[in-house]
């Protein structure tokens, strides 16, 4: 079984791509809504929360775990997971597949938007430097919470447009390096100059999962959330309404 971990609803965008490629594979999703958002948390807090989340998935039988949270992915410290019997090769995070997608596109002028924790970690900056590229980064510290709290589209548009305005003309590719951000991708499209490509890493992560997982099954989706959320339930129904799924609130 595949396990997917996220701080809330953003990872559903990654699961949507995984499920489209592996519709007969059972998936267990854990959204840690009680402790969300992760983007403002310290590396130490992120390490503890990520280990706890991975353990919950592993204890339920997940053999391949997808860290569908960039803040968590950017702060993964492999030795922390030694006590969970999870081998590093059985963890798929967000950064590697994103870098792989741009390995042959070094001439792109990239602006990467993410949470404070992801930007602070420096992992994307270092990874792009490693392939001979350079990026600009911009933290959008309040956007993930605004999305979870169903902030109005005009307010979200104003938030994004104001943050991006100083960068107009300096980039041709915008990387959405927080899985919550694709939930408002249409708003981003209205906020960027014409011709700018918006890149969602979810597809690359899903392809990475396909390359690592060979199991089959009923295709049932099980969702565990640490705090109930009407928004989360609505997004699950929107994305997976035709699938067999359950949602349970757990401590």
C-alpha atoms as a PDB file:
ATOM      1  CA  UNK A   1       0.000   0.000   0.000  1.00  0.00           C
ATOM      2  CA  UNK A   2       1.126   3.546  -0.773  1.00  0.00           C
ATOM      3  CA  UNK A   3       1.083   6.110   2.030  1.00  0.00           C
ATOM      4  CA  UNK A   4       0.740   9.831   1.344  1.00  0.00           C
ATOM      5  CA  UNK A   5       1.587  12.387   4.034  1.00  0.00           C
ATOM      6  CA  UNK A   6       0.693  16.063   4.089  1.00  0.00           C
ATOM      7  CA  UNK A   7      -0.078  18.800   6.583  1.00  0.00           C
ATOM      8  CA  UNK A   8      -3.589  19.148   5.216  1.00  0.00           C
ATOM      9  CA  UNK A   9      -5.420  19.316   1.891  1.00  0.00           C
ATOM     10  CA  UNK A  10      -2.563  20.253  -0.431  1.00  0.00           C
ATOM     11  CA  UNK A  11      -1.329  16.689  -0.821  1.00  0.00           C
ATOM     12  CA  UNK A  12      -4.641  15.805  -2.463  1.00  0.00           C
ATOM     13  CA  UNK A  13      -3.265  17.397  -5.636  1.00  0.00           C
ATOM     14  CA  UNK A  14      -0.421  14.877  -5.570  1.00  0.00           C
ATOM     15  CA  UNK A  15      -2.711  11.969  -4.734  1.00  0.00           C
ATOM     16  CA  UNK A  16      -4.955  12.936  -7.654  1.00  0.00           C
ATOM     17  CA  UNK A  17      -2.031  12.416 -10.055  1.00  0.00           C
ATOM     18  CA  UNK A  18      -0.951   9.172  -8.364  1.00  0.00           C
ATOM     19  CA  UNK A  19      -4.481   7.769  -8.466  1.00  0.00           C
ATOM     20  CA  UNK A  20      -4.862   8.668 -12.145  1.00  0.00           C
ATOM     21  CA  UNK A  21      -1.753   6.614 -12.976  1.00  0.00           C
ATOM     22  CA  UNK A  22      -2.351   3.794 -10.470  1.00  0.00           C
ATOM     23  CA  UNK A  23      -6.151   3.586 -10.130  1.00  0.00           C
ATOM     24  CA  UNK A  24      -6.100   0.016  -8.781  1.00  0.00           C
ATOM     25  CA  UNK A  25      -3.533   0.663  -6.048  1.00  0.00           C
ATOM     26  CA  UNK A  26      -4.749   1.154  -2.462  1.00  0.00           C
ATOM     27  CA  UNK A  27      -3.587   4.401  -0.873  1.00  0.00           C
ATOM     28  CA  UNK A  28      -3.632   5.602   2.728  1.00  0.00           C
ATOM     29  CA  UNK A  29      -3.514   9.389   3.108  1.00  0.00           C
ATOM     30  CA  UNK A  30      -2.776  11.193   6.370  1.00  0.00           C
ATOM     31  CA  UNK A  31      -3.479  14.921   6.592  1.00  0.00           C
ATOM     32  CA  UNK A  32      -2.205  16.469   9.833  1.00  0.00           C
ATOM     33  CA  UNK A  33      -4.749  19.289   9.905  1.00  0.00           C
ATOM     34  CA  UNK A  34      -4.488  19.703  13.675  1.00  0.00           C
ATOM     35  CA  UNK A  35      -0.888  20.903  13.347  1.00  0.00           C
ATOM     36  CA  UNK A  36      -1.233  22.750  10.038  1.00  0.00           C
ATOM     37  CA  UNK A  37       0.113  24.860   8.531  1.00  0.00           C
ATOM     38  CA  UNK A  38       3.648  23.480   8.544  1.00  0.00           C
ATOM     39  CA  UNK A  39       5.210  26.373   6.629  1.00  0.00           C
ATOM     40  CA  UNK A  40       5.942  28.540   9.673  1.00  0.00           C
ATOM     41  CA  UNK A  41       7.277  25.749  11.883  1.00  0.00           C
ATOM     42  CA  UNK A  42      10.903  25.239  12.875  1.00  0.00           C
ATOM     43  CA  UNK A  43      13.024  22.445  11.348  1.00  0.00           C
ATOM     44  CA  UNK A  44      12.913  20.642  14.696  1.00  0.00           C
ATOM     45  CA  UNK A  45       9.118  20.745  14.826  1.00  0.00           C
ATOM     46  CA  UNK A  46       8.872  19.616  11.221  1.00  0.00           C
ATOM     47  CA  UNK A  47      11.171  16.681  11.918  1.00  0.00           C
ATOM     48  CA  UNK A  48       9.031  15.456  14.810  1.00  0.00           C
ATOM     49  CA  UNK A  49       5.722  15.921  12.973  1.00  0.00           C
ATOM     50  CA  UNK A  50       7.016  14.216   9.849  1.00  0.00           C
ATOM     51  CA  UNK A  51       8.311  11.201  11.774  1.00  0.00           C
ATOM     52  CA  UNK A  52       4.971  10.912  13.556  1.00  0.00           C
ATOM     53  CA  UNK A  53       3.093  11.133  10.271  1.00  0.00           C
ATOM     54  CA  UNK A  54       5.280   8.568   8.550  1.00  0.00           C
ATOM     55  CA  UNK A  55       4.920   6.222  11.531  1.00  0.00           C
ATOM     56  CA  UNK A  56       1.136   6.443  11.368  1.00  0.00           C
ATOM     57  CA  UNK A  57       1.241   5.415   7.703  1.00  0.00           C
ATOM     58  CA  UNK A  58       3.853   2.710   8.237  1.00  0.00           C
ATOM     59  CA  UNK A  59       1.935   1.214  11.166  1.00  0.00           C
ATOM     60  CA  UNK A  60      -1.113   0.915   8.920  1.00  0.00           C
ATOM     61  CA  UNK A  61       0.826  -1.050   6.311  1.00  0.00           C
ATOM     62  CA  UNK A  62       2.202   1.554   3.908  1.00  0.00           C
ATOM     63  CA  UNK A  63       5.397   0.279   2.273  1.00  0.00           C
ATOM     64  CA  UNK A  64       6.088   3.305   0.059  1.00  0.00           C
ATOM     65  CA  UNK A  65       5.578   6.757   1.568  1.00  0.00           C
ATOM     66  CA  UNK A  66       5.131   9.968  -0.394  1.00  0.00           C
ATOM     67  CA  UNK A  67       5.935  13.149   1.506  1.00  0.00           C
ATOM     68  CA  UNK A  68       3.418  15.339  -0.329  1.00  0.00           C
ATOM     69  CA  UNK A  69       4.345  18.396   1.712  1.00  0.00           C
ATOM     70  CA  UNK A  70       7.208  20.573   0.527  1.00  0.00           C
ATOM     71  CA  UNK A  71       7.873  21.990   3.996  1.00  0.00           C
ATOM     72  CA  UNK A  72       8.292  18.448   5.330  1.00  0.00           C
ATOM     73  CA  UNK A  73      10.176  17.236   2.242  1.00  0.00           C
ATOM     74  CA  UNK A  74      12.634  20.114   2.468  1.00  0.00           C
ATOM     75  CA  UNK A  75      13.461  19.239   6.067  1.00  0.00           C
ATOM     76  CA  UNK A  76      13.627  15.437   5.941  1.00  0.00           C
ATOM     77  CA  UNK A  77      16.568  14.113   7.950  1.00  0.00           C
ATOM     78  CA  UNK A  78      17.015  10.448   7.039  1.00  0.00           C
ATOM     79  CA  UNK A  79      18.494   9.256  10.405  1.00  0.00           C
ATOM     80  CA  UNK A  80      15.248  10.284  12.113  1.00  0.00           C
ATOM     81  CA  UNK A  81      13.464   7.461  10.317  1.00  0.00           C
ATOM     82  CA  UNK A  82      15.814   4.628  11.304  1.00  0.00           C
ATOM     83  CA  UNK A  83      13.549   3.527  14.136  1.00  0.00           C
ATOM     84  CA  UNK A  84      10.566   3.237  11.780  1.00  0.00           C
ATOM     85  CA  UNK A  85      12.037   0.515   9.552  1.00  0.00           C
ATOM     86  CA  UNK A  86      11.480   2.800   6.557  1.00  0.00           C
ATOM     87  CA  UNK A  87      14.331   2.654   4.070  1.00  0.00           C
ATOM     88  CA  UNK A  88      15.258   5.968   2.410  1.00  0.00           C
ATOM     89  CA  UNK A  89      14.542   4.485  -1.014  1.00  0.00           C
ATOM     90  CA  UNK A  90      10.947   3.918   0.090  1.00  0.00           C
ATOM     91  CA  UNK A  91      10.404   7.627   0.722  1.00  0.00           C
ATOM     92  CA  UNK A  92       9.490   9.856  -2.212  1.00  0.00           C
ATOM     93  CA  UNK A  93       9.618  13.574  -1.569  1.00  0.00           C
ATOM     94  CA  UNK A  94       8.788  16.628  -3.661  1.00  0.00           C
ATOM     95  CA  UNK A  95      12.202  18.133  -4.351  1.00  0.00           C
ATOM     96  CA  UNK A  96      13.942  15.396  -6.367  1.00  0.00           C
ATOM     97  CA  UNK A  97      11.241  14.942  -9.036  1.00  0.00           C
ATOM     98  CA  UNK A  98      11.037  18.720  -9.473  1.00  0.00           C
ATOM     99  CA  UNK A  99      14.774  19.035 -10.053  1.00  0.00           C
ATOM    100  CA  UNK A 100      14.701  16.084 -12.449  1.00  0.00           C
ATOM    101  CA  UNK A 101      12.058  17.857 -14.535  1.00  0.00           C
ATOM    102  CA  UNK A 102      14.328  20.887 -14.960  1.00  0.00           C
ATOM    103  CA  UNK A 103      17.637  19.080 -15.456  1.00  0.00           C
ATOM    104  CA  UNK A 104      17.513  19.763 -19.204  1.00  0.00           C
ATOM    105  CA  UNK A 105      15.981  23.250 -18.892  1.00  0.00           C
ATOM    106  CA  UNK A 106      18.859  25.212 -17.430  1.00  0.00           C
ATOM    107  CA  UNK A 107      18.045  28.318 -19.479  1.00  0.00           C
ATOM    108  CA  UNK A 108      14.721  28.875 -17.719  1.00  0.00           C
ATOM    109  CA  UNK A 109      14.266  31.974 -15.595  1.00  0.00           C
ATOM    110  CA  UNK A 110      12.558  30.448 -12.582  1.00  0.00           C
ATOM    111  CA  UNK A 111      10.635  31.953  -9.712  1.00  0.00           C
ATOM    112  CA  UNK A 112       9.811  29.380  -7.038  1.00  0.00           C
ATOM    113  CA  UNK A 113       6.991  30.172  -4.610  1.00  0.00           C
ATOM    114  CA  UNK A 114       6.682  28.165  -1.407  1.00  0.00           C
ATOM    115  CA  UNK A 115       6.265  28.370   2.362  1.00  0.00           C
ATOM    116  CA  UNK A 116       8.737  30.047   4.675  1.00  0.00           C
ATOM    117  CA  UNK A 117      10.030  26.666   5.894  1.00  0.00           C
ATOM    118  CA  UNK A 118      10.759  25.455   2.364  1.00  0.00           C
ATOM    119  CA  UNK A 119      12.544  28.643   1.341  1.00  0.00           C
ATOM    120  CA  UNK A 120      14.475  28.794   4.631  1.00  0.00           C
ATOM    121  CA  UNK A 121      15.777  25.236   4.203  1.00  0.00           C
ATOM    122  CA  UNK A 122      17.623  26.238   1.021  1.00  0.00           C
ATOM    123  CA  UNK A 123      17.091  22.762  -0.425  1.00  0.00           C
ATOM    124  CA  UNK A 124      15.646  23.930  -3.734  1.00  0.00           C
ATOM    125  CA  UNK A 125      18.299  26.608  -4.157  1.00  0.00           C
ATOM    126  CA  UNK A 126      21.068  24.073  -3.524  1.00  0.00           C
ATOM    127  CA  UNK A 127      19.487  21.459  -5.771  1.00  0.00           C
ATOM    128  CA  UNK A 128      19.122  23.858  -8.703  1.00  0.00           C
ATOM    129  CA  UNK A 129      22.695  25.035  -8.180  1.00  0.00           C
ATOM    130  CA  UNK A 130      23.717  21.376  -8.370  1.00  0.00           C
ATOM    131  CA  UNK A 131      22.319  21.056 -11.909  1.00  0.00           C
ATOM    132  CA  UNK A 132      23.880  24.318 -13.001  1.00  0.00           C
ATOM    133  CA  UNK A 133      20.763  26.430 -12.691  1.00  0.00           C
ATOM    134  CA  UNK A 134      19.676  29.371 -10.587  1.00  0.00           C
ATOM    135  CA  UNK A 135      16.319  30.380  -9.201  1.00  0.00           C
ATOM    136  CA  UNK A 136      14.610  33.212  -7.449  1.00  0.00           C
ATOM    137  CA  UNK A 137      12.501  32.270  -4.446  1.00  0.00           C
ATOM    138  CA  UNK A 138       9.490  33.913  -2.863  1.00  0.00           C
ATOM    139  CA  UNK A 139       7.797  32.874   0.364  1.00  0.00           C
ATOM    140  CA  UNK A 140       4.012  33.186   0.505  1.00  0.00           C
ATOM    141  CA  UNK A 141       3.660  32.600   4.253  1.00  0.00           C
ATOM    142  CA  UNK A 142      -0.098  33.027   4.598  1.00  0.00           C
ATOM    143  CA  UNK A 143      -1.398  31.421   1.428  1.00  0.00           C
ATOM    144  CA  UNK A 144      -1.675  27.785   2.560  1.00  0.00           C
ATOM    145  CA  UNK A 145      -3.741  28.789   5.595  1.00  0.00           C
ATOM    146  CA  UNK A 146      -5.894  31.085   3.457  1.00  0.00           C
ATOM    147  CA  UNK A 147      -6.641  28.176   1.122  1.00  0.00           C
ATOM    148  CA  UNK A 148      -7.511  25.814   3.992  1.00  0.00           C
ATOM    149  CA  UNK A 149      -9.757  28.468   5.520  1.00  0.00           C
ATOM    150  CA  UNK A 150     -11.625  28.998   2.229  1.00  0.00           C
ATOM    151  CA  UNK A 151     -10.604  32.640   1.909  1.00  0.00           C
ATOM    152  CA  UNK A 152     -12.477  34.311  -0.942  1.00  0.00           C
ATOM    153  CA  UNK A 153     -11.011  34.167  -4.450  1.00  0.00           C
ATOM    154  CA  UNK A 154     -10.672  37.980  -4.721  1.00  0.00           C
ATOM    155  CA  UNK A 155      -8.720  38.087  -1.441  1.00  0.00           C
ATOM    156  CA  UNK A 156      -6.439  35.257  -2.560  1.00  0.00           C
ATOM    157  CA  UNK A 157      -5.935  36.977  -5.922  1.00  0.00           C
ATOM    158  CA  UNK A 158      -4.925  40.201  -4.170  1.00  0.00           C
ATOM    159  CA  UNK A 159      -2.515  38.313  -1.900  1.00  0.00           C
ATOM    160  CA  UNK A 160      -0.792  36.547  -4.799  1.00  0.00           C
ATOM    161  CA  UNK A 161      -0.767  39.512  -7.199  1.00  0.00           C
ATOM    162  CA  UNK A 162       0.740  41.849  -4.625  1.00  0.00           C
ATOM    163  CA  UNK A 163       3.494  39.368  -3.776  1.00  0.00           C
ATOM    164  CA  UNK A 164       4.370  38.651  -7.421  1.00  0.00           C
ATOM    165  CA  UNK A 165       4.239  42.248  -8.695  1.00  0.00           C
ATOM    166  CA  UNK A 166       7.904  43.135  -7.906  1.00  0.00           C
ATOM    167  CA  UNK A 167       9.081  40.126  -9.948  1.00  0.00           C
ATOM    168  CA  UNK A 168       7.207  40.895 -13.184  1.00  0.00           C
ATOM    169  CA  UNK A 169       9.472  40.446 -16.193  1.00  0.00           C
ATOM    170  CA  UNK A 170      12.153  38.580 -14.249  1.00  0.00           C
ATOM    171  CA  UNK A 171      10.868  35.016 -14.759  1.00  0.00           C
ATOM    172  CA  UNK A 172       9.320  32.831 -17.431  1.00  0.00           C
ATOM    173  CA  UNK A 173       8.507  29.821 -15.210  1.00  0.00           C
ATOM    174  CA  UNK A 174       6.702  29.780 -11.890  1.00  0.00           C
ATOM    175  CA  UNK A 175       7.165  26.662  -9.727  1.00  0.00           C
ATOM    176  CA  UNK A 176       4.385  26.006  -7.224  1.00  0.00           C
ATOM    177  CA  UNK A 177       6.542  24.425  -4.513  1.00  0.00           C
ATOM    178  CA  UNK A 178       3.737  24.002  -1.999  1.00  0.00           C
ATOM    179  CA  UNK A 179       1.084  21.390  -2.717  1.00  0.00           C
ATOM    180  CA  UNK A 180      -1.642  23.747  -1.491  1.00  0.00           C
ATOM    181  CA  UNK A 181      -0.855  26.252  -4.225  1.00  0.00           C
ATOM    182  CA  UNK A 182      -2.168  24.181  -7.180  1.00  0.00           C
ATOM    183  CA  UNK A 183      -5.560  24.272  -5.452  1.00  0.00           C
ATOM    184  CA  UNK A 184      -5.681  27.915  -6.593  1.00  0.00           C
ATOM    185  CA  UNK A 185      -3.722  27.497  -9.836  1.00  0.00           C
ATOM    186  CA  UNK A 186      -6.374  29.414 -11.781  1.00  0.00           C
ATOM    187  CA  UNK A 187      -5.768  32.391  -9.498  1.00  0.00           C
ATOM    188  CA  UNK A 188      -2.021  32.165 -10.146  1.00  0.00           C
ATOM    189  CA  UNK A 189      -2.724  32.171 -13.894  1.00  0.00           C
ATOM    190  CA  UNK A 190      -4.526  35.482 -13.472  1.00  0.00           C
ATOM    191  CA  UNK A 191      -1.609  36.872 -11.480  1.00  0.00           C
ATOM    192  CA  UNK A 192       1.361  36.149 -13.765  1.00  0.00           C
ATOM    193  CA  UNK A 193       2.380  37.855 -17.015  1.00  0.00           C
ATOM    194  CA  UNK A 194       1.201  36.325 -20.277  1.00  0.00           C
ATOM    195  CA  UNK A 195       3.420  33.482 -21.477  1.00  0.00           C
ATOM    196  CA  UNK A 196       4.692  32.442 -18.042  1.00  0.00           C
ATOM    197  CA  UNK A 197       4.630  28.660 -17.537  1.00  0.00           C
ATOM    198  CA  UNK A 198       3.201  27.455 -14.232  1.00  0.00           C
ATOM    199  CA  UNK A 199       4.792  24.202 -13.074  1.00  0.00           C
ATOM    200  CA  UNK A 200       3.048  21.855 -10.645  1.00  0.00           C
ATOM    201  CA  UNK A 201       5.450  19.143  -9.361  1.00  0.00           C
ATOM    202  CA  UNK A 202       2.608  16.666  -8.707  1.00  0.00           C
ATOM    203  CA  UNK A 203       2.851  14.945 -12.092  1.00  0.00           C
ATOM    204  CA  UNK A 204       6.585  14.304 -11.707  1.00  0.00           C
ATOM    205  CA  UNK A 205       6.101  12.947  -8.191  1.00  0.00           C
ATOM    206  CA  UNK A 206       3.358  10.608  -9.427  1.00  0.00           C
ATOM    207  CA  UNK A 207       5.640   9.274 -12.179  1.00  0.00           C
ATOM    208  CA  UNK A 208       8.317   8.659  -9.549  1.00  0.00           C
ATOM    209  CA  UNK A 209       5.783   6.622  -7.564  1.00  0.00           C
ATOM    210  CA  UNK A 210       4.947   4.541 -10.633  1.00  0.00           C
ATOM    211  CA  UNK A 211       8.645   3.771 -11.021  1.00  0.00           C
ATOM    212  CA  UNK A 212       8.901   2.517  -7.437  1.00  0.00           C
ATOM    213  CA  UNK A 213       5.627   0.717  -6.779  1.00  0.00           C
ATOM    214  CA  UNK A 214       4.392  -2.473  -8.413  1.00  0.00           C
ATOM    215  CA  UNK A 215       1.494  -3.489  -6.169  1.00  0.00           C
ATOM    216  CA  UNK A 216      -2.143  -3.859  -7.179  1.00  0.00           C
ATOM    217  CA  UNK A 217      -5.376  -4.108  -5.243  1.00  0.00           C
ATOM    218  CA  UNK A 218      -8.847  -2.682  -4.864  1.00  0.00           C
ATOM    219  CA  UNK A 219      -7.862   0.916  -5.502  1.00  0.00           C
ATOM    220  CA  UNK A 220      -9.573   1.982  -2.284  1.00  0.00           C
ATOM    221  CA  UNK A 221      -8.554   5.335  -0.844  1.00  0.00           C
ATOM    222  CA  UNK A 222      -8.421   5.736   2.930  1.00  0.00           C
ATOM    223  CA  UNK A 223      -8.111   9.219   4.373  1.00  0.00           C
ATOM    224  CA  UNK A 224      -7.019   9.911   7.948  1.00  0.00           C
ATOM    225  CA  UNK A 225      -7.133  13.468   9.265  1.00  0.00           C
ATOM    226  CA  UNK A 226      -6.075  14.699  12.700  1.00  0.00           C
ATOM    227  CA  UNK A 227      -8.793  17.375  12.710  1.00  0.00           C
ATOM    228  CA  UNK A 228     -12.092  17.455  10.860  1.00  0.00           C
ATOM    229  CA  UNK A 229     -12.430  19.885   7.968  1.00  0.00           C
ATOM    230  CA  UNK A 230     -15.343  20.654   5.658  1.00  0.00           C
ATOM    231  CA  UNK A 231     -12.859  21.984   3.115  1.00  0.00           C
ATOM    232  CA  UNK A 232     -10.880  18.734   3.132  1.00  0.00           C
ATOM    233  CA  UNK A 233     -14.028  16.642   2.761  1.00  0.00           C
ATOM    234  CA  UNK A 234     -15.239  18.825  -0.105  1.00  0.00           C
ATOM    235  CA  UNK A 235     -11.925  18.513  -1.963  1.00  0.00           C
ATOM    236  CA  UNK A 236     -11.891  14.721  -1.534  1.00  0.00           C
ATOM    237  CA  UNK A 237     -15.410  14.556  -2.956  1.00  0.00           C
ATOM    238  CA  UNK A 238     -14.407  16.845  -5.830  1.00  0.00           C
ATOM    239  CA  UNK A 239     -11.264  14.914  -6.751  1.00  0.00           C
ATOM    240  CA  UNK A 240     -12.278  11.334  -5.880  1.00  0.00           C
ATOM    241  CA  UNK A 241     -16.071  11.315  -5.828  1.00  0.00           C
ATOM    242  CA  UNK A 242     -16.213   8.385  -8.254  1.00  0.00           C
ATOM    243  CA  UNK A 243     -13.776   6.284  -6.214  1.00  0.00           C
ATOM    244  CA  UNK A 244     -14.231   4.017  -3.202  1.00  0.00           C
ATOM    245  CA  UNK A 245     -12.991   6.004  -0.226  1.00  0.00           C
ATOM    246  CA  UNK A 246     -13.405   6.564   3.506  1.00  0.00           C
ATOM    247  CA  UNK A 247     -12.476   9.510   5.746  1.00  0.00           C
ATOM    248  CA  UNK A 248     -11.719   9.061   9.440  1.00  0.00           C
ATOM    249  CA  UNK A 249     -10.664  11.587  12.082  1.00  0.00           C
ATOM    250  CA  UNK A 250      -7.836  10.192  14.230  1.00  0.00           C
ATOM    251  CA  UNK A 251      -5.896  11.463  17.228  1.00  0.00           C
END
